[in-house]
Amino acid sequence: MELRFWEGRKEWAQLTVFVRNLARTFWIMVDDKDDSSIIIEKVTVINLLVAFAYATKHYIRSEYSYEEEDLRDLIAYLPRTFTPTSISPLCDQESKIKLIRENTRGNLEIAAKKGPAAPPPPPTTESARKRRSSVPYVAQVDPIPTNIPIEITYFIQSYIKSIKDRNLVDNPTCRILDTALGNLVNCLTGFERIRRTPIPMSYSVHLHHVTWVVILIVPVTWIKDVGWGTIPATAVAAFCLLGILEIGREIENPFGYDFNDLNLDDFCQIIHKECVTIVAQRFPNPKDWLFCETNRPIIANAKSAVELAKMDNTQILDMLNAEKNYIYSEKHASHGEHKVKFNNELPV
């Protein structure tokens, strides 16, 4: 059971890695050609990566609503396909869908008798802001079980195909994006495996029985040697055994809201903050930061990258060789050996 907890943490760490790799590659490697529409595309698809993390968190908690507070604004524009989930039995999903469809049909018939409703106001940024600030969040009651994370991957995959068709990325980068997206799906499937593999009932019942048998037998075996001390000794033994049993029950599902469960809310917020930080800055041309006065690539030499670029290859190689000796002397000086001063011996 402890293994399930660590497996869940490991899978979430992998998910974080792949979201970071995808966000960085989309933002830097996709050529936007200073076109604002392509920049908006990249920001949108990185938002979908954030939405994937939030959707996965809710999905493995059996929360299937598209209207979750931290998710709805990130996917409000996407069509809803209600993809079947691998967490709950398919027969339960189909019965829910049938019931919801019947209720929807009945509501439509009532609305038809009342006549057409007034058209809603056009959506604007200001109205959306007021809606988010004034309307309390109310999650959908008993939503249809649906795999929202896998739906999000369809749209990310379609964007990868789009930028490939428009030659905005080269083939190796496209393969990197495909691989990272496939790994996201692997993480999602790993979460489903942990979530849908309960502790076998026979094992759980047997563990309970053995625990109580031990607790009841201990006083009988200790009473002659310990006397009245059997009572506190039995209490301590019962506390230890029942505590281990309860800990195993709590970590059986590490994705819930218990105190000992994984802090998925914080993990998702960290991913969201990282992605927002990525898109909040335009990365400069490498020449702007590689060849600047403050860059001194050869540590043992005070010359800047601009000055070094004006020298020939032989001088640079001599400096690098002296740099090697300088680093070697620094290492031995930290162990109390004589430190050789190479700063004055470097070629100029």
Protein backbone atom coordinates (compact mmCIF):
# COMPACT_ATOMS: atom_id res chain seq x y z
CA MET A 1 0.00 0.00 0.00
CA GLU A 2 2.91 2.31 0.71
CA LEU A 3 4.16 1.49 -2.77
CA ARG A 4 0.98 2.98 -4.25
CA PHE A 5 1.69 6.28 -2.48
CA TRP A 6 5.22 6.49 -3.84
CA GLU A 7 4.11 5.34 -7.29
CA GLY A 8 1.56 8.15 -7.33
CA ARG A 9 4.20 10.71 -6.35
CA LYS A 10 6.59 9.36 -8.97
CA GLU A 11 3.96 9.54 -11.72
CA TRP A 12 3.14 13.15 -10.79
CA ALA A 13 6.81 14.09 -10.89
CA GLN A 14 7.00 12.60 -14.39
CA LEU A 15 3.90 14.56 -15.43
CA THR A 16 5.54 17.77 -14.20
CA VAL A 17 8.68 17.02 -16.23
CA PHE A 18 6.75 16.47 -19.46
CA VAL A 19 4.58 19.58 -18.98
CA ARG A 20 7.74 21.65 -18.44
CA ASN A 21 9.39 20.19 -21.54
CA LEU A 22 6.33 20.77 -23.71
CA ALA A 23 5.80 24.33 -22.47
CA ARG A 24 9.44 25.26 -23.03
CA THR A 25 9.55 23.66 -26.48
CA PHE A 26 6.29 25.24 -27.64
CA TRP A 27 7.34 28.70 -26.47
CA ILE A 28 10.91 28.72 -27.79
CA MET A 29 11.06 26.27 -30.68
CA VAL A 30 7.84 27.19 -32.49
CA ASP A 31 8.73 30.04 -34.86
CA ASP A 32 6.17 32.80 -34.30
CA LYS A 33 7.75 35.08 -36.97
CA ASP A 34 6.73 38.07 -34.81
CA ASP A 35 3.13 37.27 -35.70
CA SER A 36 0.80 38.07 -32.80
CA SER A 37 -1.69 35.39 -33.85
CA ILE A 38 0.96 32.66 -33.55
CA ILE A 39 2.02 34.03 -30.15
CA ILE A 40 -1.61 33.77 -29.02
CA GLU A 41 -1.69 30.20 -30.33
CA LYS A 42 1.35 29.28 -28.26
CA VAL A 43 -0.03 30.89 -25.11
CA THR A 44 -3.32 29.03 -25.63
CA VAL A 45 -1.71 25.62 -26.06
CA ILE A 46 0.50 26.19 -22.99
CA ASN A 47 -2.68 27.02 -21.09
CA LEU A 48 -3.98 23.64 -22.24
CA LEU A 49 -0.94 22.01 -20.64
CA VAL A 50 -1.88 23.71 -17.38
CA ALA A 51 -5.47 22.57 -17.91
CA PHE A 52 -4.21 19.01 -18.39
CA ALA A 53 -2.60 19.09 -14.93
CA TYR A 54 -5.74 20.48 -13.28
CA ALA A 55 -7.98 18.06 -15.20
CA THR A 56 -5.80 15.11 -14.19
CA LYS A 57 -6.03 16.14 -10.54
CA HIS A 58 -9.83 16.20 -10.67
CA TYR A 59 -10.02 13.09 -12.83
CA ILE A 60 -8.13 10.83 -10.40
CA ARG A 61 -10.36 12.21 -7.62
CA SER A 62 -13.44 11.12 -9.63
CA GLU A 63 -14.45 14.76 -10.21
CA TYR A 64 -15.63 14.86 -13.81
CA SER A 65 -17.12 18.33 -14.18
CA TYR A 66 -15.97 20.74 -16.90
CA GLU A 67 -16.95 23.55 -14.51
CA GLU A 68 -14.35 23.01 -11.79
CA GLU A 69 -13.22 26.40 -10.51
CA ASP A 70 -9.54 26.10 -11.47
CA LEU A 71 -10.29 24.45 -14.82
CA ARG A 72 -13.34 26.04 -16.43
CA ASP A 73 -11.72 29.24 -17.72
CA LEU A 74 -8.85 27.29 -19.29
CA ILE A 75 -11.13 25.04 -21.38
CA ALA A 76 -14.32 27.08 -21.71
CA TYR A 77 -13.88 27.40 -25.50
CA LEU A 78 -13.33 23.68 -26.17
CA PRO A 79 -16.13 21.37 -27.37
CA ARG A 80 -17.17 18.70 -24.91
CA THR A 81 -17.10 15.12 -26.14
CA PHE A 82 -17.65 13.23 -22.84
CA THR A 83 -14.95 10.61 -23.45
CA PRO A 84 -15.47 7.43 -21.34
CA THR A 85 -13.28 7.16 -18.26
CA SER A 86 -11.19 4.20 -17.12
CA ILE A 87 -11.74 4.89 -13.42
CA SER A 88 -15.41 3.92 -13.02
CA PRO A 89 -17.15 0.86 -14.55
CA LEU A 90 -18.51 1.41 -18.03
CA CYS A 91 -21.99 0.16 -17.12
CA ASP A 92 -22.28 2.88 -14.44
CA GLN A 93 -21.21 5.53 -16.95
CA GLU A 94 -23.79 4.43 -19.53
CA SER A 95 -26.61 4.39 -17.00
CA LYS A 96 -25.72 7.94 -15.90
CA ILE A 97 -25.57 9.18 -19.49
CA LYS A 98 -28.96 7.63 -20.19
CA LEU A 99 -30.49 9.25 -17.10
CA ILE A 100 -29.05 12.68 -17.94
CA ARG A 101 -30.28 12.46 -21.52
CA GLU A 102 -33.80 11.66 -20.32
CA ASN A 103 -33.73 14.62 -17.92
CA THR A 104 -32.40 16.89 -20.67
CA ARG A 105 -35.14 15.79 -23.05
CA GLY A 106 -37.77 16.55 -20.41
CA ASN A 107 -36.31 20.02 -19.77
CA LEU A 108 -36.28 20.79 -23.50
CA GLU A 109 -39.97 19.86 -23.78
CA ILE A 110 -40.81 22.19 -20.88
CA ALA A 111 -38.77 25.00 -22.43
CA ALA A 112 -40.52 24.53 -25.78
CA LYS A 113 -43.92 25.00 -24.14
CA LYS A 114 -42.77 28.26 -22.49
CA GLY A 115 -41.58 29.76 -25.76
CA PRO A 116 -38.18 31.05 -26.89
CA ALA A 117 -35.93 32.58 -24.27
CA ALA A 118 -34.24 35.96 -24.58
CA PRO A 119 -30.83 35.78 -26.30
CA PRO A 120 -27.86 36.04 -23.93
CA PRO A 121 -25.69 39.17 -24.05
CA PRO A 122 -22.58 38.96 -26.26
CA PRO A 123 -19.54 37.72 -24.34
CA THR A 124 -16.99 40.42 -23.56
CA THR A 125 -13.87 40.57 -21.48
CA GLU A 126 -15.58 42.84 -18.95
CA SER A 127 -18.63 40.62 -18.63
CA ALA A 128 -16.38 37.57 -18.17
CA ARG A 129 -14.46 39.38 -15.44
CA LYS A 130 -17.67 40.31 -13.63
CA ARG A 131 -18.94 36.75 -13.94
CA ARG A 132 -15.83 35.31 -12.34
CA SER A 133 -15.85 37.85 -9.52
CA SER A 134 -19.57 37.93 -8.71
CA VAL A 135 -20.96 34.48 -9.50
CA PRO A 136 -20.11 31.87 -6.86
CA TYR A 137 -18.61 28.67 -8.08
CA VAL A 138 -21.09 25.80 -8.15
CA ALA A 139 -19.80 22.46 -9.40
CA GLN A 140 -22.04 20.37 -11.62
CA VAL A 141 -24.07 17.94 -9.55
CA ASP A 142 -23.42 14.30 -10.43
CA PRO A 143 -21.67 15.01 -13.77
CA ILE A 144 -21.19 12.43 -16.50
CA PRO A 145 -17.99 10.42 -15.90
CA THR A 146 -15.65 11.69 -18.60
CA ASN A 147 -11.92 11.66 -19.29
CA ILE A 148 -11.25 15.39 -19.66
CA PRO A 149 -7.41 15.06 -19.64
CA ILE A 150 -7.43 12.75 -22.66
CA GLU A 151 -9.77 15.15 -24.47
CA ILE A 152 -7.27 17.97 -23.89
CA THR A 153 -4.49 15.89 -25.45
CA TYR A 154 -6.52 15.65 -28.69
CA PHE A 155 -6.43 19.43 -29.06
CA ILE A 156 -2.73 19.65 -28.19
CA GLN A 157 -2.00 16.95 -30.76
CA SER A 158 -4.00 18.82 -33.40
CA TYR A 159 -1.91 21.93 -32.72
CA ILE A 160 1.31 19.94 -33.13
CA LYS A 161 0.06 18.75 -36.51
CA SER A 162 -0.92 22.33 -37.42
CA ILE A 163 2.51 23.82 -36.71
CA LYS A 164 4.17 20.95 -38.57
CA ASP A 165 1.96 21.52 -41.63
CA ARG A 166 2.81 25.24 -41.53
CA ASN A 167 6.55 24.52 -41.16
CA LEU A 168 6.76 26.41 -37.86
CA VAL A 169 8.86 23.59 -36.34
CA ASP A 170 11.39 21.19 -37.80
CA ASN A 171 10.84 17.42 -37.82
CA PRO A 172 13.11 16.62 -34.82
CA THR A 173 11.28 19.16 -32.66
CA CYS A 174 7.95 17.77 -33.80
CA ARG A 175 9.05 14.30 -32.73
CA ILE A 176 10.08 15.69 -29.33
CA LEU A 177 6.63 17.22 -28.91
CA ASP A 178 4.92 13.98 -29.96
CA THR A 179 7.02 11.96 -27.53
CA ALA A 180 6.43 14.32 -24.61
CA LEU A 181 2.67 14.35 -25.26
CA GLY A 182 2.66 10.55 -25.43
CA ASN A 183 4.47 10.47 -22.10
CA LEU A 184 1.75 12.68 -20.60
CA VAL A 185 -0.79 10.06 -21.63
CA ASN A 186 1.46 7.40 -20.07
CA CYS A 187 1.36 9.31 -16.77
CA LEU A 188 -2.42 9.58 -16.99
CA THR A 189 -2.67 5.83 -17.58
CA GLY A 190 -0.38 5.23 -14.59
CA PHE A 191 -2.73 7.26 -12.40
CA GLU A 192 -5.66 5.19 -13.68
CA ARG A 193 -3.77 2.00 -12.87
CA ILE A 194 -3.17 3.11 -9.28
CA ARG A 195 -6.70 4.43 -8.87
CA ARG A 196 -8.51 1.46 -10.41
CA THR A 197 -6.49 -1.27 -8.64
CA PRO A 198 -7.96 -1.54 -5.13
CA ILE A 199 -6.58 -3.68 -2.35
CA PRO A 200 -8.13 -7.17 -2.80
CA MET A 201 -11.01 -7.75 -0.41
CA SER A 202 -9.63 -11.10 0.81
CA TYR A 203 -6.32 -9.46 1.69
CA SER A 204 -7.99 -6.59 3.52
CA VAL A 205 -10.35 -8.85 5.50
CA HIS A 206 -7.55 -11.24 6.40
CA LEU A 207 -5.37 -8.35 7.60
CA HIS A 208 -8.18 -7.13 9.86
CA HIS A 209 -8.77 -10.59 11.27
CA VAL A 210 -5.09 -11.22 11.98
CA THR A 211 -4.74 -7.83 13.69
CA TRP A 212 -7.65 -8.48 16.05
CA VAL A 213 -6.56 -12.06 16.73
CA VAL A 214 -3.11 -10.80 17.78
CA ILE A 215 -4.64 -8.09 19.98
CA LEU A 216 -6.91 -10.63 21.73
CA ILE A 217 -4.21 -13.28 22.21
CA VAL A 218 -1.54 -10.92 23.60
CA PRO A 219 -3.22 -10.45 27.02
CA VAL A 220 -3.54 -14.22 27.49
CA THR A 221 0.16 -14.83 26.83
CA TRP A 222 1.38 -11.91 28.93
CA ILE A 223 -0.89 -12.16 31.99
CA LYS A 224 1.30 -14.61 33.97
CA ASP A 225 4.57 -12.72 33.45
CA VAL A 226 3.40 -9.10 33.41
CA GLY A 227 0.36 -9.16 35.65
CA TRP A 228 -1.52 -5.88 35.77
CA GLY A 229 1.02 -4.44 33.37
CA THR A 230 -0.71 -6.48 30.67
CA ILE A 231 -3.38 -3.82 30.37
CA PRO A 232 -1.11 -0.90 29.33
CA ALA A 233 1.08 -3.27 27.31
CA THR A 234 -1.94 -4.54 25.40
CA ALA A 235 -3.14 -0.96 24.84
CA VAL A 236 0.24 -0.01 23.35
CA ALA A 237 0.30 -3.09 21.12
CA ALA A 238 -3.27 -2.43 19.96
CA PHE A 239 -2.42 1.20 19.24
CA CYS A 240 0.57 0.18 17.09
CA LEU A 241 -1.21 -2.55 15.13
CA LEU A 242 -4.44 -0.63 14.56
CA GLY A 243 -2.40 2.45 13.62
CA ILE A 244 -0.54 0.51 10.92
CA LEU A 245 -3.86 -0.85 9.67
CA GLU A 246 -5.37 2.65 9.47
CA ILE A 247 -2.30 4.09 7.74
CA GLY A 248 -2.57 1.38 5.09
CA ARG A 249 -6.22 2.26 4.54
CA GLU A 250 -5.46 5.98 4.18
CA ILE A 251 -2.66 5.61 1.63
CA GLU A 252 -4.61 3.09 -0.45
CA ASN A 253 -5.80 6.09 -2.50
CA PRO A 254 -3.08 8.81 -2.36
CA PHE A 255 -5.07 11.23 -4.54
CA GLY A 256 -7.84 12.27 -2.16
CA TYR A 257 -8.30 15.11 0.32
CA ASP A 258 -6.94 13.43 3.47
CA PHE A 259 -4.11 15.08 5.36
CA ASN A 260 -1.72 12.30 4.38
CA ASP A 261 -2.61 12.33 0.67
CA LEU A 262 -0.50 13.94 -2.03
CA ASN A 263 -0.91 17.72 -2.20
CA LEU A 264 -2.14 17.75 -5.80
CA ASP A 265 -3.58 21.26 -5.51
CA ASP A 266 -0.15 22.69 -4.74
CA PHE A 267 1.50 20.61 -7.47
CA CYS A 268 -0.94 21.99 -10.05
CA GLN A 269 -0.50 25.58 -8.87
CA ILE A 270 3.28 25.22 -9.22
CA ILE A 271 2.88 23.97 -12.80
CA HIS A 272 0.49 26.84 -13.55
CA LYS A 273 2.89 29.43 -12.11
CA GLU A 274 5.82 28.01 -14.07
CA CYS A 275 3.92 28.08 -17.36
CA VAL A 276 2.72 31.65 -16.75
CA THR A 277 6.32 32.65 -16.03
CA ILE A 278 7.46 31.12 -19.32
CA VAL A 279 4.93 32.99 -21.46
CA ALA A 280 5.39 36.24 -19.51
CA GLN A 281 8.73 36.91 -21.17
CA ARG A 282 10.06 37.04 -24.69
CA PHE A 283 13.37 35.23 -24.84
CA PRO A 284 16.03 37.43 -26.50
CA ASN A 285 18.33 36.48 -29.33
CA PRO A 286 21.24 34.40 -27.94
CA LYS A 287 23.71 36.92 -29.36
CA ASP A 288 22.24 39.54 -27.04
CA TRP A 289 23.27 37.63 -23.92
CA LEU A 290 26.17 35.51 -25.18
CA PHE A 291 28.28 38.44 -26.36
CA CYS A 292 27.82 41.05 -23.68
CA GLU A 293 30.30 42.83 -21.45
CA THR A 294 29.21 41.00 -18.29
CA ASN A 295 29.74 37.50 -19.74
CA ARG A 296 33.20 36.19 -18.88
CA PRO A 297 33.14 32.55 -20.04
CA ILE A 298 36.76 31.80 -19.04
CA ILE A 299 36.57 32.09 -15.27
CA ALA A 300 40.32 32.48 -14.71
CA ASN A 301 40.47 35.40 -17.14
CA ALA A 302 38.88 38.80 -16.73
CA LYS A 303 38.18 39.33 -20.43
CA SER A 304 34.57 39.57 -21.58
CA ALA A 305 33.02 37.47 -24.34
CA VAL A 306 33.18 40.48 -26.68
CA GLU A 307 36.95 40.81 -26.19
CA LEU A 308 37.54 37.05 -26.48
CA ALA A 309 35.60 36.90 -29.76
CA LYS A 310 38.19 39.24 -31.33
CA MET A 311 41.09 36.85 -30.60
CA ASP A 312 42.26 33.96 -32.74
CA ASN A 313 41.67 30.28 -31.96
CA THR A 314 45.20 29.60 -30.65
CA GLN A 315 44.91 32.24 -27.95
CA ILE A 316 41.49 30.95 -26.91
CA LEU A 317 42.78 27.36 -26.66
CA ASP A 318 45.76 28.47 -24.56
CA MET A 319 43.41 30.26 -22.19
CA LEU A 320 41.18 27.21 -21.91
CA ASN A 321 44.20 25.04 -21.11
CA ALA A 322 45.22 27.46 -18.35
CA GLU A 323 41.58 27.40 -17.17
CA LYS A 324 41.85 23.64 -16.70
CA ASN A 325 44.96 24.04 -14.54
CA TYR A 326 43.29 26.85 -12.58
CA ILE A 327 40.26 24.68 -11.74
CA TYR A 328 42.56 21.80 -10.77
CA SER A 329 44.48 24.04 -8.38
CA GLU A 330 41.23 25.34 -6.84
CA LYS A 331 40.14 21.76 -6.14
CA HIS A 332 43.39 20.88 -4.34
CA ALA A 333 43.39 24.18 -2.44
CA SER A 334 40.03 23.21 -0.90
CA HIS A 335 41.76 20.12 0.57
CA GLY A 336 44.46 22.21 2.28
CA GLU A 337 47.12 21.84 -0.42
CA HIS A 338 49.21 24.65 -1.89
CA LYS A 339 47.18 26.84 -4.24
CA VAL A 340 48.97 27.97 -7.39
CA LYS A 341 48.07 31.39 -8.72
CA PHE A 342 47.37 31.05 -12.42
CA ASN A 343 45.71 34.39 -12.96
CA ASN A 344 49.01 36.06 -13.73
CA GLU A 345 50.20 33.20 -15.93
CA LEU A 346 47.31 33.26 -18.40
CA PRO A 347 48.20 34.34 -21.93
CA VAL A 348 46.93 37.73 -23.00
